[in-house]
């Protein structure tokens, strides 16, 4: 799995911190890691973006960003408002391919959900994943509403012939409610893919050294971690 595309069922659900956890676990296992953010929106030129946040939390990763737009909008809309060229799936595939030639793992973090538009032609992260023939990991929410958005994302992936190795809960609540606990059992069936981890709420606020030490414990062995879905379900289901 030299290239892993990371998407989510929406925005602000923990994609970046999940990407950082995956990077940290891979680095702890002795792998070299690059993080590619095709379209960074809502960040000024002098501000750190998502790739920089991954590096802050995870450690020595190679950072790459193809385009940056100041407005916190979908990439196509943000590019149009900024009067700047849009990101194209072929650009993403080319950049990820070059990084994969020099790294053991390349993490491509999307913006928003799977089908958020890159450009006015309607291309998306899914098109980039297809060009790369890369699996797509889906970051999901824990609580009410997540089953619907997870099913929709999974169906969109299958309709495009894309592989989903699993899902990760991007922010597991400190005090999970009934819906959160029930969804631990329901999510894999709705996604048609295994639950491969749960990142605790507030993980990004940890000191980087603590984040790196803890990250493998949030992820399954498929993601270089030690987390067990069975143990998690027994504790929280």
Protein backbone atom coordinates (compact mmCIF):
# COMPACT_ATOMS: atom_id res chain seq x y z
CA UNK A 1 0.00 0.00 0.00
CA UNK A 2 2.51 2.66 -1.10
CA UNK A 3 -0.26 5.25 -1.64
CA UNK A 4 -3.27 5.57 0.66
CA UNK A 5 -5.97 8.12 -0.08
CA UNK A 6 -7.74 9.45 3.01
CA UNK A 7 -11.20 10.92 2.69
CA UNK A 8 -14.08 11.51 5.06
CA UNK A 9 -17.83 11.48 5.24
CA UNK A 10 -17.72 15.25 5.65
CA UNK A 11 -15.61 18.11 6.88
CA UNK A 12 -14.19 18.71 10.37
CA UNK A 13 -14.46 15.06 11.38
CA UNK A 14 -10.81 14.29 12.05
CA UNK A 15 -9.19 13.55 8.69
CA UNK A 16 -6.02 15.47 9.46
CA UNK A 17 -5.49 14.04 12.94
CA UNK A 18 -6.21 10.55 11.55
CA UNK A 19 -3.69 11.15 8.78
CA UNK A 20 -1.18 12.24 11.43
CA UNK A 21 -1.85 9.13 13.51
CA UNK A 22 -1.31 6.87 10.48
CA UNK A 23 1.90 8.73 9.65
CA UNK A 24 3.13 8.47 13.25
CA UNK A 25 2.45 4.73 13.39
CA UNK A 26 4.22 4.16 10.08
CA UNK A 27 7.22 6.21 11.19
CA UNK A 28 7.37 4.24 14.45
CA UNK A 29 7.53 1.10 12.33
CA UNK A 30 10.55 2.42 10.47
CA UNK A 31 8.78 3.48 7.28
CA UNK A 32 9.38 6.72 5.41
CA UNK A 33 6.24 8.79 4.93
CA UNK A 34 5.09 11.63 2.69
CA UNK A 35 1.85 13.58 3.11
CA UNK A 36 0.21 15.17 0.08
CA UNK A 37 -2.58 17.72 0.43
CA UNK A 38 -3.86 18.35 -3.12
CA UNK A 39 -6.01 21.38 -2.30
CA UNK A 40 -5.61 23.34 0.91
CA UNK A 41 -8.47 25.76 1.47
CA UNK A 42 -9.19 28.31 4.17
CA UNK A 43 -5.54 28.99 4.95
CA UNK A 44 -3.46 32.05 4.05
CA UNK A 45 -0.07 31.76 2.39
CA UNK A 46 1.75 32.46 5.65
CA UNK A 47 -0.23 29.98 7.76
CA UNK A 48 0.52 26.30 8.32
CA UNK A 49 -1.80 23.96 6.45
CA UNK A 50 -2.96 20.42 7.10
CA UNK A 51 0.28 18.84 5.87
CA UNK A 52 2.22 20.97 8.35
CA UNK A 53 -0.14 19.91 11.12
CA UNK A 54 0.50 16.27 10.26
CA UNK A 55 4.24 16.90 10.44
CA UNK A 56 3.88 18.73 13.77
CA UNK A 57 2.06 15.81 15.32
CA UNK A 58 3.68 12.84 13.57
CA UNK A 59 7.28 13.91 13.09
CA UNK A 60 9.61 13.67 10.11
CA UNK A 61 7.26 13.40 7.15
CA UNK A 62 7.75 14.93 3.72
CA UNK A 63 5.12 17.62 3.15
CA UNK A 64 3.60 18.42 -0.23
CA UNK A 65 0.79 20.73 -1.25
CA UNK A 66 -0.39 21.35 -4.83
CA UNK A 67 -2.60 24.41 -4.39
CA UNK A 68 -3.71 26.77 -1.65
CA UNK A 69 -6.81 28.93 -1.66
CA UNK A 70 -7.68 31.44 1.08
CA UNK A 71 -11.44 30.92 1.30
CA UNK A 72 -12.71 27.99 3.47
CA UNK A 73 -14.76 26.50 0.66
CA UNK A 74 -14.81 23.50 -1.65
CA UNK A 75 -11.65 23.50 -3.81
CA UNK A 76 -13.49 24.30 -7.05
CA UNK A 77 -15.32 27.25 -5.51
CA UNK A 78 -12.25 28.48 -3.64
CA UNK A 79 -10.12 28.30 -6.80
CA UNK A 80 -12.70 30.23 -8.81
CA UNK A 81 -13.03 32.94 -6.15
CA UNK A 82 -9.25 33.27 -5.92
CA UNK A 83 -8.93 33.33 -9.72
CA UNK A 84 -6.33 30.58 -9.50
CA UNK A 85 -5.94 27.32 -11.41
CA UNK A 86 -7.87 24.40 -10.01
CA UNK A 87 -6.26 21.13 -8.97
CA UNK A 88 -6.65 18.32 -11.50
CA UNK A 89 -6.75 14.60 -10.67
CA UNK A 90 -3.83 14.02 -13.04
CA UNK A 91 -1.77 16.52 -11.02
CA UNK A 92 -2.56 14.62 -7.83
CA UNK A 93 -1.68 11.28 -9.39
CA UNK A 94 1.59 12.60 -10.79
CA UNK A 95 2.66 14.17 -7.49
CA UNK A 96 1.71 11.09 -5.47
CA UNK A 97 3.53 8.84 -7.91
CA UNK A 98 6.73 10.83 -7.59
CA UNK A 99 6.52 10.77 -3.80
CA UNK A 100 5.85 7.02 -3.83
CA UNK A 101 9.07 6.46 -5.73
CA UNK A 102 11.00 7.90 -2.77
CA UNK A 103 8.88 6.91 0.26
CA UNK A 104 7.45 3.75 1.74
CA UNK A 105 4.05 5.35 2.27
CA UNK A 106 2.29 8.33 0.71
CA UNK A 107 -0.83 9.66 2.42
CA UNK A 108 -3.10 11.76 0.18
CA UNK A 109 -5.52 13.74 2.33
CA UNK A 110 -8.59 15.09 0.59
CA UNK A 111 -10.64 18.18 1.39
CA UNK A 112 -14.10 17.60 2.83
CA UNK A 113 -15.79 14.48 1.51
CA UNK A 114 -15.06 12.11 -1.34
CA UNK A 115 -17.08 13.92 -4.02
CA UNK A 116 -16.20 17.53 -3.22
CA UNK A 117 -15.32 19.13 -6.54
CA UNK A 118 -11.76 19.92 -7.49
CA UNK A 119 -12.70 21.93 -10.59
CA UNK A 120 -15.56 23.20 -12.73
CA UNK A 121 -15.65 19.90 -14.67
CA UNK A 122 -16.69 18.14 -11.49
CA UNK A 123 -13.62 15.98 -10.95
CA UNK A 124 -12.99 14.81 -7.41
CA UNK A 125 -10.62 12.97 -5.10
CA UNK A 126 -12.26 9.77 -6.32
CA UNK A 127 -10.93 10.46 -9.82
CA UNK A 128 -7.42 10.91 -8.44
CA UNK A 129 -7.70 7.65 -6.49
CA UNK A 130 -8.78 5.85 -9.65
CA UNK A 131 -5.81 7.19 -11.60
CA UNK A 132 -3.52 6.04 -8.78
CA UNK A 133 -5.32 2.70 -8.38
CA UNK A 134 -5.04 3.48 -4.67
CA UNK A 135 -7.22 2.31 -1.78
CA UNK A 136 -9.38 4.92 -0.05
CA UNK A 137 -9.60 4.97 3.74
CA UNK A 138 -12.74 6.67 5.06
CA UNK A 139 -12.74 8.73 8.25
CA UNK A 140 -16.16 8.71 9.88
CA UNK A 141 -17.98 10.32 12.78
CA UNK A 142 -19.02 8.36 15.85
CA UNK A 143 -22.51 9.61 16.62
CA UNK A 144 -25.95 10.19 15.15
CA UNK A 145 -26.03 10.58 11.36
CA UNK A 146 -22.82 8.71 10.69
CA UNK A 147 -24.48 5.55 9.37
CA UNK A 148 -26.15 7.43 6.52
CA UNK A 149 -23.06 9.37 5.45
CA UNK A 150 -20.92 6.25 5.75
CA UNK A 151 -23.26 4.24 3.52
CA UNK A 152 -23.36 7.03 0.94
CA UNK A 153 -19.57 7.29 0.82
CA UNK A 154 -19.16 3.50 0.61
CA UNK A 155 -21.68 3.26 -2.22
CA UNK A 156 -19.91 6.07 -4.10
CA UNK A 157 -16.60 4.21 -3.77
CA UNK A 158 -18.07 0.92 -4.99
CA UNK A 159 -19.83 2.63 -7.90
CA UNK A 160 -16.44 3.91 -9.07
CA UNK A 161 -14.65 0.61 -8.59
CA UNK A 162 -12.53 1.97 -5.74
CA UNK A 163 -11.26 -0.15 -2.86
CA UNK A 164 -11.92 0.76 0.76
CA UNK A 165 -9.59 -1.09 3.14
CA UNK A 166 -11.49 0.18 6.15
CA UNK A 167 -12.86 3.05 8.16
CA UNK A 168 -11.51 5.00 11.15
CA UNK A 169 -13.53 6.97 13.68
CA UNK A 170 -11.89 10.38 13.55
CA UNK A 171 -12.91 11.61 17.00
CA UNK A 172 -14.05 9.09 19.60
CA UNK A 173 -15.82 10.99 22.41
CA UNK A 174 -14.40 11.10 25.89
CA UNK A 175 -17.88 10.24 27.19
CA UNK A 176 -19.56 8.24 24.40
CA UNK A 177 -23.33 8.20 24.29
CA UNK A 178 -25.70 5.43 23.28
CA UNK A 179 -25.50 6.21 19.55
CA UNK A 180 -21.70 6.28 19.62
CA UNK A 181 -21.53 2.90 21.33
CA UNK A 182 -24.13 1.27 19.08
CA UNK A 183 -22.41 2.59 15.97
CA UNK A 184 -19.21 0.72 16.81
CA UNK A 185 -21.06 -2.46 15.90
CA UNK A 186 -23.06 -0.98 13.01
CA UNK A 187 -20.41 0.96 11.10
CA UNK A 188 -18.45 -1.95 9.55
CA UNK A 189 -21.59 -3.47 8.06
CA UNK A 190 -22.79 -0.15 6.69
CA UNK A 191 -19.37 0.58 5.20
CA UNK A 192 -18.78 -2.92 3.91
CA UNK A 193 -15.30 -2.56 5.38
CA UNK A 194 -13.67 -3.17 8.77
CA UNK A 195 -13.25 -0.64 11.53
CA UNK A 196 -9.50 0.00 11.62
CA UNK A 197 -9.22 2.46 14.45
CA UNK A 198 -10.64 5.18 16.65
CA UNK A 199 -8.74 8.38 17.36
CA UNK A 200 -9.68 9.88 20.73
CA UNK A 201 -11.32 13.26 20.93
CA UNK A 202 -8.75 15.97 21.61
CA UNK A 203 -5.80 13.94 20.30
CA UNK A 204 -4.48 16.93 18.34
CA UNK A 205 -4.04 18.84 21.61
CA UNK A 206 -1.57 16.29 22.97
CA UNK A 207 2.12 17.22 23.04
CA UNK A 208 3.64 15.81 19.84
CA UNK A 209 5.80 13.29 21.70
CA UNK A 210 2.73 11.94 23.51
CA UNK A 211 0.75 11.85 20.26
CA UNK A 212 3.47 9.82 18.53
CA UNK A 213 3.74 7.38 21.41
CA UNK A 214 -0.01 6.86 21.58
CA UNK A 215 -0.90 6.79 17.87
CA UNK A 216 -0.21 3.07 17.22
CA UNK A 217 -2.67 2.24 20.00
CA UNK A 218 -5.45 3.98 18.06
CA UNK A 219 -4.96 2.02 14.83
CA UNK A 220 -5.29 -1.60 13.74
CA UNK A 221 -2.31 -3.66 12.53
CA UNK A 222 -3.33 -2.96 8.93
CA UNK A 223 -2.35 0.65 9.67
CA UNK A 224 0.84 -0.24 11.58
CA UNK A 225 -0.90 -0.11 14.93
CA UNK A 226 -1.86 -2.39 17.81
CA UNK A 227 -5.54 -1.43 18.23
CA UNK A 228 -8.14 -4.23 18.21
CA UNK A 229 -11.69 -3.74 16.96
CA UNK A 230 -12.82 -6.66 19.09
CA UNK A 231 -11.35 -5.23 22.28
CA UNK A 232 -12.75 -1.79 21.47
CA UNK A 233 -16.25 -3.18 20.82
CA UNK A 234 -16.13 -5.17 24.03
CA UNK A 235 -15.18 -2.07 25.99
CA UNK A 236 -17.59 0.35 24.33
CA UNK A 237 -20.29 -1.63 22.53
